[in-house]
Amino acid sequence: MREAPTWRIPIGVLLLVVALAFYGIAVATFVPPLIGEWNALAQTPVYVVLGIVWILPLRRFLIWMETGRWG
């Protein structure tokens, strides 16, 4: 258990918010021209996958925020 505050948590939260904002802007900018003409039911799986894929690197990032190690 951590007894003293660490700089990694507030910096990590800020980095996470900035990274998610860039990711969201990138998806909103580049994906609609590619699949905008598709039926809504065909677009749904693409957006579901893109909505989940950002979670994959999150575990290691949260470990770093808590412990300072990447593994």
N, C-alpha and C. Protein backbone atom coordinates (compact mmCIF):
# COMPACT_ATOMS: atom_id res chain seq x y z
N MET A 1 0.84 -1.18 0.00
CA MET A 1 0.00 0.00 0.00
C MET A 1 0.88 1.24 0.00
N ARG A 2 0.48 2.19 -0.81
CA ARG A 2 1.21 3.44 -0.96
C ARG A 2 0.94 4.34 0.24
N GLU A 3 1.99 4.90 0.83
CA GLU A 3 1.82 5.78 1.98
C GLU A 3 1.97 7.24 1.62
N ALA A 4 2.74 7.54 0.58
CA ALA A 4 2.95 8.92 0.17
C ALA A 4 2.33 9.14 -1.21
N PRO A 5 1.83 10.34 -1.46
CA PRO A 5 1.26 10.62 -2.78
C PRO A 5 2.34 10.51 -3.86
N THR A 6 1.93 10.17 -5.04
CA THR A 6 2.88 10.06 -6.15
C THR A 6 2.43 10.95 -7.30
N TRP A 7 3.36 11.46 -8.05
CA TRP A 7 3.07 12.34 -9.17
C TRP A 7 2.49 11.56 -10.35
N ARG A 8 2.69 10.24 -10.37
CA ARG A 8 2.27 9.44 -11.53
C ARG A 8 0.75 9.42 -11.71
N ILE A 9 0.00 9.46 -10.64
CA ILE A 9 -1.46 9.35 -10.78
C ILE A 9 -2.07 10.59 -11.44
N PRO A 10 -1.82 11.81 -10.95
CA PRO A 10 -2.42 12.96 -11.65
C PRO A 10 -1.88 13.14 -13.07
N ILE A 11 -0.59 12.91 -13.26
CA ILE A 11 -0.02 13.01 -14.61
C ILE A 11 -0.60 11.93 -15.50
N GLY A 12 -0.75 10.72 -14.96
CA GLY A 12 -1.32 9.61 -15.73
C GLY A 12 -2.75 9.88 -16.14
N VAL A 13 -3.55 10.46 -15.24
CA VAL A 13 -4.93 10.79 -15.57
C VAL A 13 -4.97 11.85 -16.67
N LEU A 14 -4.13 12.86 -16.56
CA LEU A 14 -4.07 13.90 -17.60
C LEU A 14 -3.65 13.31 -18.94
N LEU A 15 -2.62 12.46 -18.92
CA LEU A 15 -2.18 11.82 -20.17
C LEU A 15 -3.27 10.95 -20.76
N LEU A 16 -4.00 10.24 -19.92
CA LEU A 16 -5.07 9.38 -20.40
C LEU A 16 -6.18 10.21 -21.05
N VAL A 17 -6.56 11.33 -20.43
CA VAL A 17 -7.60 12.19 -20.99
C VAL A 17 -7.14 12.77 -22.34
N VAL A 18 -5.90 13.22 -22.40
CA VAL A 18 -5.38 13.78 -23.65
C VAL A 18 -5.31 12.71 -24.74
N ALA A 19 -4.81 11.53 -24.39
CA ALA A 19 -4.70 10.44 -25.37
C ALA A 19 -6.09 10.02 -25.88
N LEU A 20 -7.06 9.92 -24.98
CA LEU A 20 -8.41 9.55 -25.41
C LEU A 20 -9.04 10.64 -26.28
N ALA A 21 -8.75 11.89 -25.98
CA ALA A 21 -9.27 12.98 -26.82
C ALA A 21 -8.68 12.89 -28.23
N PHE A 22 -7.38 12.68 -28.32
CA PHE A 22 -6.75 12.51 -29.64
C PHE A 22 -7.30 11.30 -30.37
N TYR A 23 -7.48 10.20 -29.66
CA TYR A 23 -8.02 8.99 -30.27
C TYR A 23 -9.45 9.24 -30.77
N GLY A 24 -10.27 9.88 -29.95
CA GLY A 24 -11.64 10.17 -30.37
C GLY A 24 -11.70 11.09 -31.57
N ILE A 25 -10.84 12.10 -31.57
CA ILE A 25 -10.79 13.02 -32.72
C ILE A 25 -10.33 12.29 -33.97
N ALA A 26 -9.33 11.43 -33.82
CA ALA A 26 -8.84 10.66 -34.98
C ALA A 26 -9.93 9.74 -35.53
N VAL A 27 -10.63 9.05 -34.66
CA VAL A 27 -11.71 8.17 -35.11
C VAL A 27 -12.81 9.00 -35.79
N ALA A 28 -13.20 10.10 -35.19
CA ALA A 28 -14.27 10.93 -35.75
C ALA A 28 -13.86 11.58 -37.07
N THR A 29 -12.56 11.78 -37.27
CA THR A 29 -12.08 12.41 -38.49
C THR A 29 -11.89 11.42 -39.63
N PHE A 30 -11.26 10.27 -39.33
CA PHE A 30 -10.85 9.37 -40.40
C PHE A 30 -11.80 8.23 -40.70
N VAL A 31 -12.64 7.83 -39.76
CA VAL A 31 -13.51 6.67 -40.00
C VAL A 31 -14.76 7.02 -40.81
N PRO A 32 -15.46 8.10 -40.53
CA PRO A 32 -16.69 8.36 -41.31
C PRO A 32 -16.50 8.44 -42.83
N PRO A 33 -15.42 9.04 -43.33
CA PRO A 33 -15.26 9.01 -44.80
C PRO A 33 -15.09 7.59 -45.35
N LEU A 34 -14.59 6.68 -44.55
CA LEU A 34 -14.38 5.31 -45.02
C LEU A 34 -15.65 4.47 -44.97
N ILE A 35 -16.46 4.66 -43.94
CA ILE A 35 -17.63 3.78 -43.77
C ILE A 35 -18.94 4.56 -43.71
N GLY A 36 -18.92 5.84 -44.02
CA GLY A 36 -20.11 6.68 -43.91
C GLY A 36 -21.26 6.28 -44.81
N GLU A 37 -20.96 5.64 -45.91
CA GLU A 37 -22.00 5.22 -46.85
C GLU A 37 -22.59 3.87 -46.49
N TRP A 38 -22.00 3.18 -45.52
CA TRP A 38 -22.48 1.86 -45.13
C TRP A 38 -23.80 1.99 -44.38
N ASN A 39 -24.53 0.90 -44.35
CA ASN A 39 -25.73 0.79 -43.54
C ASN A 39 -25.35 0.93 -42.07
N ALA A 40 -26.25 1.45 -41.25
CA ALA A 40 -25.97 1.64 -39.81
C ALA A 40 -25.63 0.32 -39.13
N LEU A 41 -26.27 -0.75 -39.54
CA LEU A 41 -25.96 -2.06 -38.93
C LEU A 41 -24.57 -2.55 -39.31
N ALA A 42 -24.08 -2.16 -40.45
CA ALA A 42 -22.72 -2.52 -40.85
C ALA A 42 -21.69 -1.64 -40.16
N GLN A 43 -22.04 -0.40 -39.86
CA GLN A 43 -21.13 0.52 -39.17
C GLN A 43 -20.98 0.17 -37.70
N THR A 44 -22.01 -0.38 -37.11
CA THR A 44 -22.03 -0.65 -35.67
C THR A 44 -20.85 -1.49 -35.20
N PRO A 45 -20.54 -2.65 -35.83
CA PRO A 45 -19.39 -3.42 -35.34
C PRO A 45 -18.06 -2.67 -35.43
N VAL A 46 -17.92 -1.83 -36.45
CA VAL A 46 -16.68 -1.05 -36.59
C VAL A 46 -16.52 -0.11 -35.40
N TYR A 47 -17.58 0.59 -35.06
CA TYR A 47 -17.51 1.54 -33.95
C TYR A 47 -17.42 0.83 -32.60
N VAL A 48 -18.01 -0.35 -32.49
CA VAL A 48 -17.88 -1.12 -31.25
C VAL A 48 -16.42 -1.54 -31.06
N VAL A 49 -15.80 -2.04 -32.11
CA VAL A 49 -14.38 -2.44 -32.02
C VAL A 49 -13.51 -1.23 -31.70
N LEU A 50 -13.73 -0.13 -32.39
CA LEU A 50 -12.94 1.08 -32.12
C LEU A 50 -13.20 1.63 -30.72
N GLY A 51 -14.38 1.39 -30.18
CA GLY A 51 -14.68 1.83 -28.83
C GLY A 51 -14.04 0.96 -27.76
N ILE A 52 -13.69 -0.27 -28.12
CA ILE A 52 -13.08 -1.20 -27.16
C ILE A 52 -11.56 -1.23 -27.28
N VAL A 53 -11.03 -1.00 -28.47
CA VAL A 53 -9.61 -1.20 -28.73
C VAL A 53 -8.71 -0.30 -27.88
N TRP A 54 -9.18 0.85 -27.47
CA TRP A 54 -8.36 1.74 -26.66
C TRP A 54 -8.13 1.18 -25.26
N ILE A 55 -8.95 0.23 -24.84
CA ILE A 55 -8.82 -0.35 -23.51
C ILE A 55 -7.60 -1.30 -23.42
N LEU A 56 -7.18 -1.87 -24.55
CA LEU A 56 -6.12 -2.88 -24.54
C LEU A 56 -4.83 -2.41 -23.87
N PRO A 57 -4.29 -1.22 -24.17
CA PRO A 57 -3.05 -0.80 -23.49
C PRO A 57 -3.29 -0.20 -22.11
N LEU A 58 -4.55 -0.08 -21.72
CA LEU A 58 -4.87 0.60 -20.46
C LEU A 58 -4.35 -0.14 -19.23
N ARG A 59 -4.36 -1.46 -19.23
CA ARG A 59 -3.93 -2.23 -18.05
C ARG A 59 -2.49 -1.89 -17.67
N ARG A 60 -1.60 -1.93 -18.65
CA ARG A 60 -0.19 -1.64 -18.36
C ARG A 60 -0.01 -0.19 -17.91
N PHE A 61 -0.77 0.71 -18.49
CA PHE A 61 -0.69 2.12 -18.11
C PHE A 61 -1.14 2.31 -16.67
N LEU A 62 -2.23 1.65 -16.26
CA LEU A 62 -2.70 1.76 -14.88
C LEU A 62 -1.72 1.13 -13.90
N ILE A 63 -1.07 0.04 -14.30
CA ILE A 63 -0.03 -0.56 -13.46
C ILE A 63 1.10 0.44 -13.26
N TRP A 64 1.50 1.11 -14.34
CA TRP A 64 2.56 2.12 -14.22
C TRP A 64 2.13 3.25 -13.28
N MET A 65 0.88 3.68 -13.40
CA MET A 65 0.41 4.77 -12.53
C MET A 65 0.49 4.37 -11.06
N GLU A 66 0.19 3.13 -10.75
CA GLU A 66 0.18 2.68 -9.36
C GLU A 66 1.56 2.31 -8.82
N THR A 67 2.38 1.65 -9.65
CA THR A 67 3.64 1.08 -9.15
C THR A 67 4.89 1.73 -9.70
N GLY A 68 4.80 2.37 -10.87
CA GLY A 68 5.99 2.91 -11.50
C GLY A 68 6.68 1.92 -12.42
N ARG A 69 6.13 0.71 -12.52
CA ARG A 69 6.67 -0.32 -13.42
C ARG A 69 5.67 -0.57 -14.53
N TRP A 70 6.15 -1.00 -15.71
CA TRP A 70 5.28 -1.26 -16.84
C TRP A 70 4.76 -2.69 -16.87
N GLY A 71 5.29 -3.55 -16.04
CA GLY A 71 4.87 -4.96 -16.12
C GLY A 71 4.19 -5.47 -14.90
